[in-house]
Amino acid sequence: MSLSSDQTPPAKPKISPEERRRRTADRLTMIRLKMAIGRELEERGITKPAEIGDALGMPPAEATKLLTRHQWREGDVGRLEAAAARLGVHTPEPASV
């Protein structure tokens, strides 16, 4: 099916450079937090979804999705920071460039 000239799809809104930088910083923070949380869970021998959910204080499915999802979603950094704090995990801040 082809679209006629009067049925063009709506243009995808562009994000501002500031928003792009914020999202990139969030992604890097998420990677650091996921690695630190994963390392801590592994050191504690916590491997099953139910155990991970209990350790992070959330339902097992939500905890598993949070730790394995690759797509950036609004609010994930806050949830990961809360999970890290609950485990007592501290992640070093990246060096300024």
PDB file of N, CA and C in Angstrom:
ATOM      1  N   MET A   1       0.834  -1.169   0.000  1.00  0.00           N
ATOM      2  CA  MET A   1       0.000   0.000   0.000  1.00  0.00           C
ATOM      3  C   MET A   1       0.881   1.236   0.000  1.00  0.00           C
ATOM      4  N   SER A   2       0.582   2.140  -0.877  1.00  0.00           N
ATOM      5  CA  SER A   2       1.335   3.380  -0.885  1.00  0.00           C
ATOM      6  C   SER A   2       0.429   4.515  -0.432  1.00  0.00           C
ATOM      7  N   LEU A   3       1.017   5.496   0.168  1.00  0.00           N
ATOM      8  CA  LEU A   3       0.269   6.649   0.649  1.00  0.00           C
ATOM      9  C   LEU A   3       0.176   7.688  -0.453  1.00  0.00           C
ATOM     10  N   SER A   4      -0.988   8.213  -0.648  1.00  0.00           N
ATOM     11  CA  SER A   4      -1.117   9.295  -1.614  1.00  0.00           C
ATOM     12  C   SER A   4      -0.598  10.578  -0.974  1.00  0.00           C
ATOM     13  N   SER A   5      -0.449  11.618  -1.769  1.00  0.00           N
ATOM     14  CA  SER A   5       0.141  12.852  -1.256  1.00  0.00           C
ATOM     15  C   SER A   5      -0.674  13.485  -0.130  1.00  0.00           C
ATOM     16  N   ASP A   6      -1.986  13.225  -0.075  1.00  0.00           N
ATOM     17  CA  ASP A   6      -2.797  13.806   0.996  1.00  0.00           C
ATOM     18  C   ASP A   6      -2.844  12.926   2.244  1.00  0.00           C
ATOM     19  N   GLN A   7      -2.161  11.785   2.215  1.00  0.00           N
ATOM     20  CA  GLN A   7      -2.151  10.876   3.362  1.00  0.00           C
ATOM     21  C   GLN A   7      -0.747  10.681   3.920  1.00  0.00           C
ATOM     22  N   THR A   8       0.075  11.692   3.888  1.00  0.00           N
ATOM     23  CA  THR A   8       1.431  11.553   4.398  1.00  0.00           C
ATOM     24  C   THR A   8       1.398  11.353   5.908  1.00  0.00           C
ATOM     25  N   PRO A   9       2.274  10.497   6.417  1.00  0.00           N
ATOM     26  CA  PRO A   9       2.298  10.270   7.861  1.00  0.00           C
ATOM     27  C   PRO A   9       2.757  11.522   8.592  1.00  0.00           C
ATOM     28  N   PRO A  10       2.315  11.694   9.819  1.00  0.00           N
ATOM     29  CA  PRO A  10       2.739  12.880  10.572  1.00  0.00           C
ATOM     30  C   PRO A  10       4.239  12.842  10.819  1.00  0.00           C
ATOM     31  N   ALA A  11       4.851  13.993  10.807  1.00  0.00           N
ATOM     32  CA  ALA A  11       6.292  14.086  11.028  1.00  0.00           C
ATOM     33  C   ALA A  11       6.613  13.736  12.480  1.00  0.00           C
ATOM     34  N   LYS A  12       7.692  12.997  12.653  1.00  0.00           N
ATOM     35  CA  LYS A  12       8.132  12.627  13.989  1.00  0.00           C
ATOM     36  C   LYS A  12       8.747  13.863  14.648  1.00  0.00           C
ATOM     37  N   PRO A  13       8.296  14.210  15.842  1.00  0.00           N
ATOM     38  CA  PRO A  13       8.845  15.418  16.472  1.00  0.00           C
ATOM     39  C   PRO A  13      10.322  15.235  16.806  1.00  0.00           C
ATOM     40  N   LYS A  14      11.093  16.256  16.543  1.00  0.00           N
ATOM     41  CA  LYS A  14      12.530  16.229  16.830  1.00  0.00           C
ATOM     42  C   LYS A  14      12.746  16.621  18.286  1.00  0.00           C
ATOM     43  N   ILE A  15      13.729  15.969  18.908  1.00  0.00           N
ATOM     44  CA  ILE A  15      14.045  16.358  20.276  1.00  0.00           C
ATOM     45  C   ILE A  15      15.177  17.379  20.237  1.00  0.00           C
ATOM     46  N   SER A  16      15.189  18.229  21.220  1.00  0.00           N
ATOM     47  CA  SER A  16      16.188  19.294  21.266  1.00  0.00           C
ATOM     48  C   SER A  16      17.563  18.707  21.619  1.00  0.00           C
ATOM     49  N   PRO A  17      18.620  19.421  21.289  1.00  0.00           N
ATOM     50  CA  PRO A  17      19.962  18.951  21.661  1.00  0.00           C
ATOM     51  C   PRO A  17      20.112  18.759  23.170  1.00  0.00           C
ATOM     52  N   GLU A  18      19.481  19.637  23.958  1.00  0.00           N
ATOM     53  CA  GLU A  18      19.558  19.500  25.418  1.00  0.00           C
ATOM     54  C   GLU A  18      18.896  18.208  25.877  1.00  0.00           C
ATOM     55  N   GLU A  19      17.733  17.894  25.293  1.00  0.00           N
ATOM     56  CA  GLU A  19      17.023  16.657  25.644  1.00  0.00           C
ATOM     57  C   GLU A  19      17.839  15.441  25.209  1.00  0.00           C
ATOM     58  N   ARG A  20      18.456  15.523  24.053  1.00  0.00           N
ATOM     59  CA  ARG A  20      19.287  14.412  23.570  1.00  0.00           C
ATOM     60  C   ARG A  20      20.457  14.173  24.530  1.00  0.00           C
ATOM     61  N   ARG A  21      21.100  15.259  24.995  1.00  0.00           N
ATOM     62  CA  ARG A  21      22.211  15.121  25.949  1.00  0.00           C
ATOM     63  C   ARG A  21      21.726  14.528  27.266  1.00  0.00           C
ATOM     64  N   ARG A  22      20.552  14.963  27.721  1.00  0.00           N
ATOM     65  CA  ARG A  22      20.006  14.433  28.971  1.00  0.00           C
ATOM     66  C   ARG A  22      19.725  12.941  28.848  1.00  0.00           C
ATOM     67  N   ARG A  23      19.151  12.544  27.728  1.00  0.00           N
ATOM     68  CA  ARG A  23      18.848  11.120  27.525  1.00  0.00           C
ATOM     69  C   ARG A  23      20.119  10.294  27.426  1.00  0.00           C
ATOM     70  N   THR A  24      21.140  10.832  26.764  1.00  0.00           N
ATOM     71  CA  THR A  24      22.411  10.120  26.667  1.00  0.00           C
ATOM     72  C   THR A  24      23.030   9.953  28.052  1.00  0.00           C
ATOM     73  N   ALA A  25      23.001  11.009  28.850  1.00  0.00           N
ATOM     74  CA  ALA A  25      23.521  10.921  30.218  1.00  0.00           C
ATOM     75  C   ALA A  25      22.719   9.912  31.033  1.00  0.00           C
ATOM     76  N   ASP A  26      21.396   9.901  30.865  1.00  0.00           N
ATOM     77  CA  ASP A  26      20.549   8.928  31.562  1.00  0.00           C
ATOM     78  C   ASP A  26      20.908   7.500  31.161  1.00  0.00           C
ATOM     79  N   ARG A  27      21.136   7.289  29.864  1.00  0.00           N
ATOM     80  CA  ARG A  27      21.492   5.941  29.403  1.00  0.00           C
ATOM     81  C   ARG A  27      22.797   5.468  30.034  1.00  0.00           C
ATOM     82  N   LEU A  28      23.788   6.358  30.093  1.00  0.00           N
ATOM     83  CA  LEU A  28      25.070   5.991  30.701  1.00  0.00           C
ATOM     84  C   LEU A  28      24.902   5.693  32.187  1.00  0.00           C
ATOM     85  N   THR A  29      24.102   6.505  32.862  1.00  0.00           N
ATOM     86  CA  THR A  29      23.828   6.277  34.280  1.00  0.00           C
ATOM     87  C   THR A  29      23.126   4.940  34.465  1.00  0.00           C
ATOM     88  N   MET A  30      22.167   4.641  33.594  1.00  0.00           N
ATOM     89  CA  MET A  30      21.446   3.371  33.685  1.00  0.00           C
ATOM     90  C   MET A  30      22.394   2.190  33.522  1.00  0.00           C
ATOM     91  N   ILE A  31      23.313   2.279  32.570  1.00  0.00           N
ATOM     92  CA  ILE A  31      24.270   1.189  32.354  1.00  0.00           C
ATOM     93  C   ILE A  31      25.111   0.979  33.605  1.00  0.00           C
ATOM     94  N   ARG A  32      25.620   2.061  34.180  1.00  0.00           N
ATOM     95  CA  ARG A  32      26.435   1.945  35.395  1.00  0.00           C
ATOM     96  C   ARG A  32      25.639   1.330  36.545  1.00  0.00           C
ATOM     97  N   LEU A  33      24.413   1.794  36.719  1.00  0.00           N
ATOM     98  CA  LEU A  33      23.576   1.278  37.803  1.00  0.00           C
ATOM     99  C   LEU A  33      23.232  -0.188  37.592  1.00  0.00           C
ATOM    100  N   LYS A  34      22.868  -0.560  36.369  1.00  0.00           N
ATOM    101  CA  LYS A  34      22.529  -1.962  36.088  1.00  0.00           C
ATOM    102  C   LYS A  34      23.725  -2.867  36.362  1.00  0.00           C
ATOM    103  N   MET A  35      24.915  -2.420  35.960  1.00  0.00           N
ATOM    104  CA  MET A  35      26.110  -3.235  36.196  1.00  0.00           C
ATOM    105  C   MET A  35      26.392  -3.371  37.688  1.00  0.00           C
ATOM    106  N   ALA A  36      26.293  -2.275  38.419  1.00  0.00           N
ATOM    107  CA  ALA A  36      26.561  -2.307  39.858  1.00  0.00           C
ATOM    108  C   ALA A  36      25.527  -3.169  40.587  1.00  0.00           C
ATOM    109  N   ILE A  37      24.263  -3.016  40.229  1.00  0.00           N
ATOM    110  CA  ILE A  37      23.199  -3.812  40.864  1.00  0.00           C
ATOM    111  C   ILE A  37      23.390  -5.286  40.527  1.00  0.00           C
ATOM    112  N   GLY A  38      23.665  -5.584  39.257  1.00  0.00           N
ATOM    113  CA  GLY A  38      23.880  -6.972  38.847  1.00  0.00           C
ATOM    114  C   GLY A  38      25.045  -7.613  39.573  1.00  0.00           C
ATOM    115  N   ARG A  39      26.130  -6.853  39.721  1.00  0.00           N
ATOM    116  CA  ARG A  39      27.307  -7.362  40.444  1.00  0.00           C
ATOM    117  C   ARG A  39      26.963  -7.655  41.902  1.00  0.00           C
ATOM    118  N   GLU A  40      26.224  -6.739  42.533  1.00  0.00           N
ATOM    119  CA  GLU A  40      25.850  -6.922  43.936  1.00  0.00           C
ATOM    120  C   GLU A  40      24.929  -8.126  44.105  1.00  0.00           C
ATOM    121  N   LEU A  41      23.957  -8.267  43.218  1.00  0.00           N
ATOM    122  CA  LEU A  41      23.050  -9.417  43.295  1.00  0.00           C
ATOM    123  C   LEU A  41      23.829 -10.721  43.121  1.00  0.00           C
ATOM    124  N   GLU A  42      24.767 -10.725  42.188  1.00  0.00           N
ATOM    125  CA  GLU A  42      25.577 -11.915  41.951  1.00  0.00           C
ATOM    126  C   GLU A  42      26.429 -12.255  43.167  1.00  0.00           C
ATOM    127  N   GLU A  43      27.036 -11.235  43.784  1.00  0.00           N
ATOM    128  CA  GLU A  43      27.853 -11.475  44.978  1.00  0.00           C
ATOM    129  C   GLU A  43      27.028 -12.050  46.123  1.00  0.00           C
ATOM    130  N   ARG A  44      25.763 -11.647  46.185  1.00  0.00           N
ATOM    131  CA  ARG A  44      24.876 -12.161  47.234  1.00  0.00           C
ATOM    132  C   ARG A  44      24.240 -13.495  46.869  1.00  0.00           C
ATOM    133  N   GLY A  45      24.482 -13.991  45.664  1.00  0.00           N
ATOM    134  CA  GLY A  45      23.911 -15.255  45.219  1.00  0.00           C
ATOM    135  C   GLY A  45      22.433 -15.157  44.871  1.00  0.00           C
ATOM    136  N   ILE A  46      21.977 -13.977  44.560  1.00  0.00           N
ATOM    137  CA  ILE A  46      20.572 -13.749  44.216  1.00  0.00           C
ATOM    138  C   ILE A  46      20.442 -13.852  42.705  1.00  0.00           C
ATOM    139  N   THR A  47      19.766 -14.918  42.239  1.00  0.00           N
ATOM    140  CA  THR A  47      19.675 -15.157  40.801  1.00  0.00           C
ATOM    141  C   THR A  47      18.259 -15.369  40.292  1.00  0.00           C
ATOM    142  N   LYS A  48      17.366 -15.822  41.123  1.00  0.00           N
ATOM    143  CA  LYS A  48      15.997 -16.114  40.684  1.00  0.00           C
ATOM    144  C   LYS A  48      15.174 -14.834  40.646  1.00  0.00           C
ATOM    145  N   PRO A  49      14.260 -14.726  39.667  1.00  0.00           N
ATOM    146  CA  PRO A  49      13.434 -13.516  39.555  1.00  0.00           C
ATOM    147  C   PRO A  49      12.712 -13.136  40.850  1.00  0.00           C
ATOM    148  N   ALA A  50      12.177 -14.103  41.569  1.00  0.00           N
ATOM    149  CA  ALA A  50      11.474 -13.794  42.814  1.00  0.00           C
ATOM    150  C   ALA A  50      12.437 -13.200  43.849  1.00  0.00           C
ATOM    151  N   GLU A  51      13.640 -13.746  43.922  1.00  0.00           N
ATOM    152  CA  GLU A  51      14.644 -13.229  44.856  1.00  0.00           C
ATOM    153  C   GLU A  51      15.085 -11.820  44.459  1.00  0.00           C
ATOM    154  N   ILE A  52      15.253 -11.607  43.151  1.00  0.00           N
ATOM    155  CA  ILE A  52      15.658 -10.286  42.657  1.00  0.00           C
ATOM    156  C   ILE A  52      14.575  -9.265  42.987  1.00  0.00           C
ATOM    157  N   GLY A  53      13.320  -9.635  42.762  1.00  0.00           N
ATOM    158  CA  GLY A  53      12.206  -8.748  43.084  1.00  0.00           C
ATOM    159  C   GLY A  53      12.176  -8.396  44.558  1.00  0.00           C
ATOM    160  N   ASP A  54      12.371  -9.394  45.420  1.00  0.00           N
ATOM    161  CA  ASP A  54      12.401  -9.141  46.867  1.00  0.00           C
ATOM    162  C   ASP A  54      13.554  -8.212  47.244  1.00  0.00           C
ATOM    163  N   ALA A  55      14.721  -8.462  46.665  1.00  0.00           N
ATOM    164  CA  ALA A  55      15.893  -7.650  46.989  1.00  0.00           C
ATOM    165  C   ALA A  55      15.724  -6.199  46.546  1.00  0.00           C
ATOM    166  N   LEU A  56      15.026  -5.999  45.425  1.00  0.00           N
ATOM    167  CA  LEU A  56      14.848  -4.645  44.894  1.00  0.00           C
ATOM    168  C   LEU A  56      13.562  -3.991  45.369  1.00  0.00           C
ATOM    169  N   GLY A  57      12.713  -4.752  46.044  1.00  0.00           N
ATOM    170  CA  GLY A  57      11.477  -4.193  46.574  1.00  0.00           C
ATOM    171  C   GLY A  57      10.425  -3.919  45.516  1.00  0.00           C
ATOM    172  N   MET A  58      10.350  -4.797  44.527  1.00  0.00           N
ATOM    173  CA  MET A  58       9.342  -4.638  43.472  1.00  0.00           C
ATOM    174  C   MET A  58       8.932  -6.013  42.968  1.00  0.00           C
ATOM    175  N   PRO A  59       7.837  -6.091  42.228  1.00  0.00           N
ATOM    176  CA  PRO A  59       7.423  -7.389  41.686  1.00  0.00           C
ATOM    177  C   PRO A  59       8.534  -7.993  40.821  1.00  0.00           C
ATOM    178  N   PRO A  60       8.665  -9.319  40.839  1.00  0.00           N
ATOM    179  CA  PRO A  60       9.748  -9.973  40.087  1.00  0.00           C
ATOM    180  C   PRO A  60       9.781  -9.601  38.600  1.00  0.00           C
ATOM    181  N   ALA A  61       8.635  -9.575  37.943  1.00  0.00           N
ATOM    182  CA  ALA A  61       8.615  -9.248  36.512  1.00  0.00           C
ATOM    183  C   ALA A  61       9.109  -7.829  36.265  1.00  0.00           C
ATOM    184  N   GLU A  62       8.699  -6.891  37.109  1.00  0.00           N
ATOM    185  CA  GLU A  62       9.122  -5.494  36.962  1.00  0.00           C
ATOM    186  C   GLU A  62      10.626  -5.366  37.193  1.00  0.00           C
ATOM    187  N   ALA A  63      11.138  -6.052  38.206  1.00  0.00           N
ATOM    188  CA  ALA A  63      12.570  -5.993  38.506  1.00  0.00           C
ATOM    189  C   ALA A  63      13.389  -6.572  37.358  1.00  0.00           C
ATOM    190  N   THR A  64      12.949  -7.692  36.820  1.00  0.00           N
ATOM    191  CA  THR A  64      13.663  -8.320  35.716  1.00  0.00           C
ATOM    192  C   THR A  64      13.661  -7.425  34.491  1.00  0.00           C
ATOM    193  N   LYS A  65      12.510  -6.848  34.163  1.00  0.00           N
ATOM    194  CA  LYS A  65      12.433  -5.941  33.012  1.00  0.00           C
ATOM    195  C   LYS A  65      13.327  -4.728  33.208  1.00  0.00           C
ATOM    196  N   LEU A  66      13.328  -4.183  34.402  1.00  0.00           N
ATOM    197  CA  LEU A  66      14.133  -2.995  34.683  1.00  0.00           C
ATOM    198  C   LEU A  66      15.617  -3.274  34.470  1.00  0.00           C
ATOM    199  N   LEU A  67      16.069  -4.452  34.871  1.00  0.00           N
ATOM    200  CA  LEU A  67      17.491  -4.772  34.774  1.00  0.00           C
ATOM    201  C   LEU A  67      17.910  -5.268  33.392  1.00  0.00           C
ATOM    202  N   THR A  68      16.958  -5.707  32.566  1.00  0.00           N
ATOM    203  CA  THR A  68      17.331  -6.271  31.263  1.00  0.00           C
ATOM    204  C   THR A  68      16.901  -5.428  30.077  1.00  0.00           C
ATOM    205  N   ARG A  69      16.054  -4.456  30.284  1.00  0.00           N
ATOM    206  CA  ARG A  69      15.544  -3.637  29.180  1.00  0.00           C
ATOM    207  C   ARG A  69      16.672  -2.802  28.572  1.00  0.00           C
ATOM    208  N   HIS A  70      16.675  -2.697  27.248  1.00  0.00           N
ATOM    209  CA  HIS A  70      17.685  -1.910  26.547  1.00  0.00           C
ATOM    210  C   HIS A  70      17.164  -0.545  26.125  1.00  0.00           C
ATOM    211  N   GLN A  71      15.870  -0.411  26.041  1.00  0.00           N
ATOM    212  CA  GLN A  71      15.273   0.841  25.583  1.00  0.00           C
ATOM    213  C   GLN A  71      15.172   1.836  26.735  1.00  0.00           C
ATOM    214  N   TRP A  72      15.518   3.092  26.456  1.00  0.00           N
ATOM    215  CA  TRP A  72      15.426   4.145  27.459  1.00  0.00           C
ATOM    216  C   TRP A  72      13.966   4.452  27.727  1.00  0.00           C
ATOM    217  N   ARG A  73      13.610   4.545  28.995  1.00  0.00           N
ATOM    218  CA  ARG A  73      12.250   4.930  29.376  1.00  0.00           C
ATOM    219  C   ARG A  73      12.335   5.949  30.499  1.00  0.00           C
ATOM    220  N   GLU A  74      11.441   6.921  30.426  1.00  0.00           N
ATOM    221  CA  GLU A  74      11.370   7.969  31.449  1.00  0.00           C
ATOM    222  C   GLU A  74      11.148   7.320  32.812  1.00  0.00           C
ATOM    223  N   GLY A  75      11.929   7.701  33.791  1.00  0.00           N
ATOM    224  CA  GLY A  75      11.757   7.209  35.152  1.00  0.00           C
ATOM    225  C   GLY A  75      12.618   6.012  35.524  1.00  0.00           C
ATOM    226  N   ASP A  76      13.249   5.376  34.541  1.00  0.00           N
ATOM    227  CA  ASP A  76      14.072   4.202  34.846  1.00  0.00           C
ATOM    228  C   ASP A  76      15.261   4.546  35.732  1.00  0.00           C
ATOM    229  N   VAL A  77      15.870   5.695  35.516  1.00  0.00           N
ATOM    230  CA  VAL A  77      17.043   6.075  36.316  1.00  0.00           C
ATOM    231  C   VAL A  77      16.640   6.176  37.783  1.00  0.00           C
ATOM    232  N   GLY A  78      15.516   6.793  38.057  1.00  0.00           N
ATOM    233  CA  GLY A  78      15.047   6.913  39.439  1.00  0.00           C
ATOM    234  C   GLY A  78      14.784   5.561  40.082  1.00  0.00           C
ATOM    235  N   ARG A  79      14.163   4.656  39.333  1.00  0.00           N
ATOM    236  CA  ARG A  79      13.893   3.319  39.873  1.00  0.00           C
ATOM    237  C   ARG A  79      15.190   2.556  40.118  1.00  0.00           C
ATOM    238  N   LEU A  80      16.156   2.692  39.208  1.00  0.00           N
ATOM    239  CA  LEU A  80      17.445   2.018  39.394  1.00  0.00           C
ATOM    240  C   LEU A  80      18.215   2.611  40.571  1.00  0.00           C
ATOM    241  N   GLU A  81      18.150   3.936  40.727  1.00  0.00           N
ATOM    242  CA  GLU A  81      18.823   4.566  41.872  1.00  0.00           C
ATOM    243  C   GLU A  81      18.198   4.099  43.182  1.00  0.00           C
ATOM    244  N   ALA A  82      16.882   3.962  43.209  1.00  0.00           N
ATOM    245  CA  ALA A  82      16.209   3.472  44.423  1.00  0.00           C
ATOM    246  C   ALA A  82      16.604   2.029  44.707  1.00  0.00           C
ATOM    247  N   ALA A  83      16.691   1.211  43.670  1.00  0.00           N
ATOM    248  CA  ALA A  83      17.094  -0.187  43.850  1.00  0.00           C
ATOM    249  C   ALA A  83      18.533  -0.273  44.353  1.00  0.00           C
ATOM    250  N   ALA A  84      19.419   0.557  43.792  1.00  0.00           N
ATOM    251  CA  ALA A  84      20.817   0.564  44.227  1.00  0.00           C
ATOM    252  C   ALA A  84      20.922   0.995  45.685  1.00  0.00           C
ATOM    253  N   ALA A  85      20.155   2.012  46.060  1.00  0.00           N
ATOM    254  CA  ALA A  85      20.175   2.484  47.449  1.00  0.00           C
ATOM    255  C   ALA A  85      19.669   1.394  48.382  1.00  0.00           C
ATOM    256  N   ARG A  86      18.644   0.683  47.970  1.00  0.00           N
ATOM    257  CA  ARG A  86      18.089  -0.403  48.800  1.00  0.00           C
ATOM    258  C   ARG A  86      19.144  -1.495  49.037  1.00  0.00           C
ATOM    259  N   LEU A  87      19.985  -1.739  48.025  1.00  0.00           N
ATOM    260  CA  LEU A  87      21.039  -2.751  48.155  1.00  0.00           C
ATOM    261  C   LEU A  87      22.301  -2.193  48.803  1.00  0.00           C
ATOM    262  N   GLY A  88      22.379  -0.885  48.963  1.00  0.00           N
ATOM    263  CA  GLY A  88      23.572  -0.264  49.524  1.00  0.00           C
ATOM    264  C   GLY A  88      24.690  -0.141  48.503  1.00  0.00           C
ATOM    265  N   VAL A  89      24.336  -0.101  47.226  1.00  0.00           N
ATOM    266  CA  VAL A  89      25.314  -0.005  46.144  1.00  0.00           C
ATOM    267  C   VAL A  89      25.596   1.457  45.851  1.00  0.00           C
ATOM    268  N   HIS A  90      26.873   1.795  45.754  1.00  0.00           N
ATOM    269  CA  HIS A  90      27.267   3.155  45.404  1.00  0.00           C
ATOM    270  C   HIS A  90      27.995   3.092  44.072  1.00  0.00           C
ATOM    271  N   THR A  91      27.578   3.923  43.142  1.00  0.00           N
ATOM    272  CA  THR A  91      28.249   3.963  41.850  1.00  0.00           C
ATOM    273  C   THR A  91      29.041   5.243  41.738  1.00  0.00           C
ATOM    274  N   PRO A  92      30.270   5.145  41.286  1.00  0.00           N
ATOM    275  CA  PRO A  92      31.085   6.361  41.152  1.00  0.00           C
ATOM    276  C   PRO A  92      30.534   7.241  40.033  1.00  0.00           C
ATOM    277  N   GLU A  93      30.615   8.534  40.231  1.00  0.00           N
ATOM    278  CA  GLU A  93      30.189   9.485  39.209  1.00  0.00           C
ATOM    279  C   GLU A  93      31.236   9.486  38.102  1.00  0.00           C
ATOM    280  N   PRO A  94      30.801   9.600  36.845  1.00  0.00           N
ATOM    281  CA  PRO A  94      31.783   9.635  35.758  1.00  0.00           C
ATOM    282  C   PRO A  94      32.626  10.894  35.822  1.00  0.00           C
ATOM    283  N   ALA A  95      33.845  10.789  35.362  1.00  0.00           N
ATOM    284  CA  ALA A  95      34.734  11.947  35.339  1.00  0.00           C
ATOM    285  C   ALA A  95      34.250  12.929  34.293  1.00  0.00           C
ATOM    286  N   SER A  96      34.349  14.203  34.588  1.00  0.00           N
ATOM    287  CA  SER A  96      33.958  15.240  33.625  1.00  0.00           C
ATOM    288  C   SER A  96      34.975  15.294  32.504  1.00  0.00           C
ATOM    289  N   VAL A  97      34.466  15.526  31.318  1.00  0.00           N
ATOM    290  CA  VAL A  97      35.358  15.575  30.150  1.00  0.00           C
ATOM    291  C   VAL A  97      35.641  17.000  29.791  1.00  0.00           C
TER     292      VAL A  97
END
